[in-house]
Protein backbone atom coordinates (compact mmCIF):
# COMPACT_ATOMS: atom_id res chain seq x y z
CA MET A 1 -3.53 16.35 0.18
CA SER A 2 -5.49 15.50 -2.94
CA GLU A 3 -7.11 12.09 -3.30
CA GLU A 4 -4.61 11.25 -6.01
CA GLN A 5 -1.72 12.08 -3.68
CA ALA A 6 -3.35 10.03 -0.91
CA LYS A 7 -3.58 7.03 -3.27
CA LYS A 8 0.06 7.43 -4.26
CA PHE A 9 1.05 7.63 -0.59
CA LEU A 10 -0.81 4.39 0.19
CA GLU A 11 0.77 2.67 -2.81
CA LYS A 12 4.22 3.77 -1.65
CA LEU A 13 3.42 2.66 1.89
CA GLN A 14 2.62 -0.82 0.57
CA SER A 15 5.85 -1.13 -1.39
CA ASP A 16 8.34 0.78 0.80
CA VAL A 17 9.47 -1.15 3.88
CA GLU A 18 11.53 1.77 5.19
CA LEU A 19 8.55 4.13 4.98
CA ARG A 20 6.38 1.65 6.89
CA GLU A 21 9.05 1.34 9.56
CA ARG A 22 9.35 5.14 9.86
CA LEU A 23 5.58 5.50 10.14
CA SER A 24 5.40 2.73 12.74
CA LYS A 25 8.15 4.46 14.72
CA LEU A 26 6.25 7.75 14.56
CA ILE A 27 3.09 6.03 15.83
CA THR A 28 5.04 4.53 18.74
CA GLU A 29 6.79 7.81 19.55
CA ALA A 30 3.39 9.52 19.66
CA GLY A 31 2.45 7.14 22.46
CA PHE A 32 0.28 4.68 20.56
CA SER A 33 0.79 0.92 20.55
CA CYS A 34 -1.13 -0.02 17.42
CA THR A 35 0.17 -1.50 14.20
CA LEU A 36 -0.46 -0.23 10.69
CA SER A 37 -2.64 -3.31 10.12
CA GLU A 38 -4.78 -2.40 13.12
CA ILE A 39 -5.14 1.16 11.85
CA LYS A 40 -6.22 -0.16 8.46
CA LYS A 41 -8.83 -2.42 10.07
CA VAL A 42 -10.26 0.45 12.14
CA GLU A 43 -10.38 2.62 9.02
CA TRP A 44 -12.29 -0.15 7.17
CA ASP A 45 -14.69 -0.63 10.08
CA LEU A 46 -15.41 3.12 10.22
CA MET A 47 -15.96 3.28 6.48
CA MET A 48 -18.39 0.35 6.59
CA THR A 49 -20.24 1.91 9.54
CA HIS A 50 -20.76 5.11 7.53
CA TYR A 51 -21.80 3.10 4.46
CA ILE A 52 -24.29 0.97 6.37
CA ALA A 53 -25.73 4.04 8.09
CA GLY A 54 -26.62 5.41 4.66
CA LEU A 55 -28.52 2.29 3.58
CA PRO A 56 -32.33 2.25 3.66
CA ALA A 57 -34.01 1.09 6.85
CA SER A 58 -34.39 -2.67 7.18
CA GLU A 59 -38.19 -2.49 6.71
CA HIS A 60 -37.55 -1.56 3.10
CA TRP A 61 -35.75 -4.85 2.65
CA GLU A 62 -38.65 -7.02 3.75
CA ARG A 63 -40.53 -8.99 1.11
């Protein structure tokens, strides 16, 4: 999936209640008990972890 398609999917997911319900059902049927909001938070946390890992070491921030 291209990044543009991924963006369109996320936009549709935000506006389409039925799609969210179908995705939630799929998550449950796969044996997971998390919500889409929890998945989004984990995704954000992982992204921030990768971002922070790429920042310069703290000694470079000292005055």
